[in-house]
Amino acid sequence: MRVEQLPLHEELEALARHYHHLQVERQNASPGSSPRRHLEDKLLRVRERFDRVLEEWVPEEELREAWRAYLDHHGPEPEGPPAIKPMVFRGRSEVTGSIVEIRGSEDELRVEVDGALIERIAAEKDFASTAPLAPYRLNENEFEEIFAASDEALQALSDFLDRGESPPWEHASELLADGLIDVHFALTPRGHRALARA
């Protein structure tokens, strides 16, 4: 995966949203209580992850400061690093071995084969199913849906959804990049399909 394709903006936004949610829960917990200490531990872990992503992947100090202000003071959400186009489908052709990636939003989806833009389509509903999809047809080729997220990431995501514990932040980049979750750590239709296949 090329660095410019990493979902850094999405991961930072997801971490910040989770941090803010935990802050509200902490404020509502009784001072000195066990639940409040548990929430403080969670806040610390989310903050450490947030700072680590900033230090490792965001070289511009001004941009790092903007993200810290967003986290600490609910400042405006920074514009950088650039957001990725959400993945709605990735498939492989058994005949040619080519990989198709379909990314975008409700306005427009970009269809790329082996990294080259082939066409733009408006077919988000075609990929909104949570059930396994039929192969995607393009120029006489059929592309079977494939997933890049590791088994470990899928298992962590499944455990999180089953138990309702803290999101598996160590796998957030991988899950976001493969289009399995959104910035709220909610499953996308593609995420449902991946877990159903696993």
Protein backbone atom coordinates (compact mmCIF):
# COMPACT_ATOMS: atom_id res chain seq x y z
CA MET A 1 0.00 0.00 0.00
CA ARG A 2 1.38 3.39 -0.96
CA VAL A 3 1.66 5.93 1.86
CA GLU A 4 -0.61 8.44 0.11
CA GLN A 5 -3.37 5.82 0.13
CA LEU A 6 -3.32 5.33 3.89
CA PRO A 7 -6.57 6.51 5.51
CA LEU A 8 -4.78 8.87 7.89
CA HIS A 9 -7.45 11.55 7.89
CA GLU A 10 -10.14 8.96 8.50
CA GLU A 11 -8.22 7.27 11.31
CA LEU A 12 -7.48 10.56 13.07
CA GLU A 13 -11.12 11.61 12.72
CA ALA A 14 -12.33 8.26 14.08
CA LEU A 15 -9.94 8.44 17.04
CA ALA A 16 -11.00 12.02 17.82
CA ARG A 17 -14.71 11.12 17.70
CA HIS A 18 -14.15 8.15 20.00
CA TYR A 19 -12.06 10.30 22.37
CA HIS A 20 -14.82 12.93 22.58
CA HIS A 21 -17.43 10.24 23.23
CA LEU A 22 -15.31 8.76 26.03
CA GLN A 23 -14.86 12.22 27.56
CA VAL A 24 -18.64 12.63 27.82
CA GLU A 25 -18.99 9.18 29.40
CA ARG A 26 -16.21 10.02 31.87
CA GLN A 27 -17.89 13.30 32.85
CA ASN A 28 -21.10 11.41 33.58
CA ALA A 29 -19.37 8.76 35.71
CA SER A 30 -19.09 9.22 39.48
CA PRO A 31 -15.76 10.71 40.61
CA GLY A 32 -13.40 8.06 41.96
CA SER A 33 -15.58 5.19 40.73
CA SER A 34 -14.30 2.08 39.00
CA PRO A 35 -16.16 2.90 35.74
CA ARG A 36 -14.59 6.36 35.71
CA ARG A 37 -11.07 4.91 36.16
CA HIS A 38 -11.80 2.41 33.38
CA LEU A 39 -12.88 5.27 31.09
CA GLU A 40 -9.75 7.24 31.99
CA ASP A 41 -7.63 4.24 30.97
CA LYS A 42 -9.51 4.05 27.65
CA LEU A 43 -9.02 7.79 27.09
CA LEU A 44 -5.30 7.40 27.69
CA ARG A 45 -5.03 4.53 25.18
CA VAL A 46 -6.97 6.41 22.51
CA ARG A 47 -4.84 9.54 23.09
CA GLU A 48 -1.63 7.50 22.83
CA ARG A 49 -2.81 5.98 19.54
CA PHE A 50 -3.80 9.43 18.22
CA ASP A 51 -0.39 10.91 19.12
CA ARG A 52 1.44 7.92 17.61
CA VAL A 53 -0.42 8.27 14.28
CA LEU A 54 0.36 12.00 14.23
CA GLU A 55 4.05 11.52 14.99
CA GLU A 56 4.58 8.64 12.56
CA TRP A 57 2.55 9.82 9.58
CA VAL A 58 1.99 13.60 9.70
CA PRO A 59 5.30 15.38 9.15
CA GLU A 60 3.97 18.97 9.20
CA GLU A 61 4.05 20.40 12.74
CA GLU A 62 1.34 22.96 11.93
CA LEU A 63 -1.01 20.17 10.82
CA ARG A 64 -0.19 18.09 13.92
CA GLU A 65 -1.05 21.12 16.10
CA ALA A 66 -4.34 21.58 14.24
CA TRP A 67 -5.27 17.95 14.95
CA ARG A 68 -4.33 18.33 18.63
CA ALA A 69 -6.55 21.44 18.84
CA TYR A 70 -9.37 19.44 17.23
CA LEU A 71 -8.94 16.69 19.82
CA ASP A 72 -8.35 18.83 22.91
CA HIS A 73 -10.51 21.88 22.26
CA HIS A 74 -13.05 20.73 19.64
CA GLY A 75 -11.43 23.09 17.13
CA PRO A 76 -12.23 22.91 13.43
CA GLU A 77 -11.45 19.60 11.77
CA PRO A 78 -8.16 19.94 9.86
CA GLU A 79 -8.26 19.56 6.09
CA GLY A 80 -5.15 17.41 5.82
CA PRO A 81 -3.86 14.86 5.30
CA PRO A 82 -6.08 14.24 2.28
CA ALA A 83 -8.97 11.86 2.82
CA ILE A 84 -9.16 8.67 0.77
CA LYS A 85 -12.06 7.77 -1.46
CA PRO A 86 -13.93 4.99 0.35
CA MET A 87 -13.55 1.53 -1.17
CA VAL A 88 -16.91 -0.02 -2.07
CA PHE A 89 -15.61 -3.01 -4.05
CA ARG A 90 -12.31 -4.74 -4.81
CA GLY A 91 -12.20 -7.77 -7.08
CA ARG A 92 -9.83 -10.03 -8.96
CA SER A 93 -10.29 -11.47 -12.43
CA GLU A 94 -9.52 -15.20 -12.53
CA VAL A 95 -8.75 -14.91 -16.25
CA THR A 96 -6.31 -11.96 -16.28
CA GLY A 97 -5.35 -11.66 -12.60
CA SER A 98 -6.18 -7.95 -12.79
CA ILE A 99 -7.55 -6.13 -9.76
CA VAL A 100 -10.50 -3.76 -10.00
CA GLU A 101 -11.08 -1.17 -7.27
CA ILE A 102 -14.27 0.87 -7.10
CA ARG A 103 -14.08 3.89 -4.81
CA GLY A 104 -16.04 7.03 -4.15
CA SER A 105 -19.24 8.39 -2.71
CA GLU A 106 -22.86 8.61 -3.72
CA ASP A 107 -22.03 11.28 -6.30
CA GLU A 108 -19.50 9.30 -8.28
CA LEU A 109 -17.62 6.03 -8.16
CA ARG A 110 -14.25 5.60 -9.83
CA VAL A 111 -13.52 2.24 -11.45
CA GLU A 112 -9.80 1.50 -11.63
CA VAL A 113 -8.16 -1.62 -13.01
CA ASP A 114 -4.61 -2.22 -11.84
CA GLY A 115 -4.43 1.43 -10.76
CA ALA A 116 -5.62 2.94 -14.07
CA LEU A 117 -8.91 4.86 -14.17
CA ILE A 118 -11.25 3.05 -16.57
CA GLU A 119 -14.55 4.82 -15.98
CA ARG A 120 -16.70 6.79 -13.59
CA ILE A 121 -20.10 5.42 -12.65
CA ALA A 122 -23.08 6.33 -10.50
CA ALA A 123 -23.97 2.93 -9.10
CA GLU A 124 -23.58 3.10 -5.34
CA LYS A 125 -26.79 1.11 -4.81
CA ASP A 126 -25.20 -1.78 -6.70
CA PHE A 127 -22.62 -2.06 -3.90
CA ALA A 128 -24.90 -1.29 -0.94
CA SER A 129 -25.81 -4.94 -0.38
CA THR A 130 -24.62 -6.66 2.78
CA ALA A 131 -25.07 -10.05 1.09
CA PRO A 132 -22.34 -11.51 -1.16
CA LEU A 133 -22.26 -9.74 -4.52
CA ALA A 134 -22.33 -11.29 -7.95
CA PRO A 135 -19.05 -10.86 -9.83
CA TYR A 136 -18.55 -7.37 -11.25
CA ARG A 137 -18.47 -7.46 -15.06
CA LEU A 138 -16.20 -5.12 -17.02
CA ASN A 139 -15.13 -5.57 -20.65
CA GLU A 140 -15.88 -9.30 -20.78
CA ASN A 141 -14.05 -9.87 -17.48
CA GLU A 142 -15.66 -10.96 -14.24
CA PHE A 143 -14.15 -9.78 -10.97
CA GLU A 144 -14.88 -11.78 -7.81
CA GLU A 145 -14.88 -9.66 -4.64
CA ILE A 146 -11.75 -9.96 -2.52
CA PHE A 147 -10.70 -8.43 0.80
CA ALA A 148 -7.26 -7.24 1.88
CA ALA A 149 -7.83 -7.01 5.65
CA SER A 150 -5.98 -9.65 7.61
CA ASP A 151 -7.76 -12.49 9.42
CA GLU A 152 -6.52 -10.95 12.68
CA ALA A 153 -8.14 -7.59 11.84
CA LEU A 154 -11.41 -9.27 10.83
CA GLN A 155 -11.47 -11.29 14.05
CA ALA A 156 -10.77 -8.17 16.14
CA LEU A 157 -13.59 -6.35 14.32
CA SER A 158 -15.97 -9.26 14.87
CA ASP A 159 -15.07 -9.42 18.57
CA PHE A 160 -15.62 -5.67 18.93
CA LEU A 161 -19.07 -5.90 17.33
CA ASP A 162 -20.05 -8.94 19.41
CA ARG A 163 -18.84 -7.64 22.78
CA GLY A 164 -19.22 -3.88 22.37
CA GLU A 165 -15.80 -3.21 23.87
CA SER A 166 -13.28 -0.61 22.74
CA PRO A 167 -12.72 -0.56 18.96
CA PRO A 168 -9.60 -2.41 17.74
CA TRP A 169 -7.61 0.76 16.98
CA GLU A 170 -4.48 -1.20 16.10
CA HIS A 171 -6.36 -2.40 12.99
CA ALA A 172 -8.19 0.85 12.14
CA SER A 173 -5.95 1.84 9.21
CA GLU A 174 -6.27 -1.58 7.63
CA LEU A 175 -10.05 -1.75 8.10
CA LEU A 176 -10.60 1.80 6.83
CA ALA A 177 -8.35 1.27 3.80
CA ASP A 178 -10.23 -1.90 2.83
CA GLY A 179 -13.57 -0.08 3.13
CA LEU A 180 -14.87 -2.30 5.94
CA ILE A 181 -15.65 0.46 8.47
CA ASP A 182 -16.38 4.17 8.44
CA VAL A 183 -14.90 6.83 10.72
CA HIS A 184 -17.46 5.96 13.40
CA PHE A 185 -16.13 2.36 13.38
CA ALA A 186 -19.50 1.28 11.97
CA LEU A 187 -19.58 -1.56 9.46
CA THR A 188 -20.03 -0.61 5.83
CA PRO A 189 -21.90 -2.90 3.41
CA ARG A 190 -18.48 -4.15 2.28
CA GLY A 191 -17.61 -4.81 5.95
CA HIS A 192 -20.76 -6.90 6.36
CA ARG A 193 -19.78 -8.91 3.28
CA ALA A 194 -16.24 -9.45 4.57
CA LEU A 195 -17.41 -10.70 7.96
CA ALA A 196 -20.02 -12.95 6.35
CA ARG A 197 -17.29 -14.51 4.22
CA ALA A 198 -14.92 -14.91 7.19
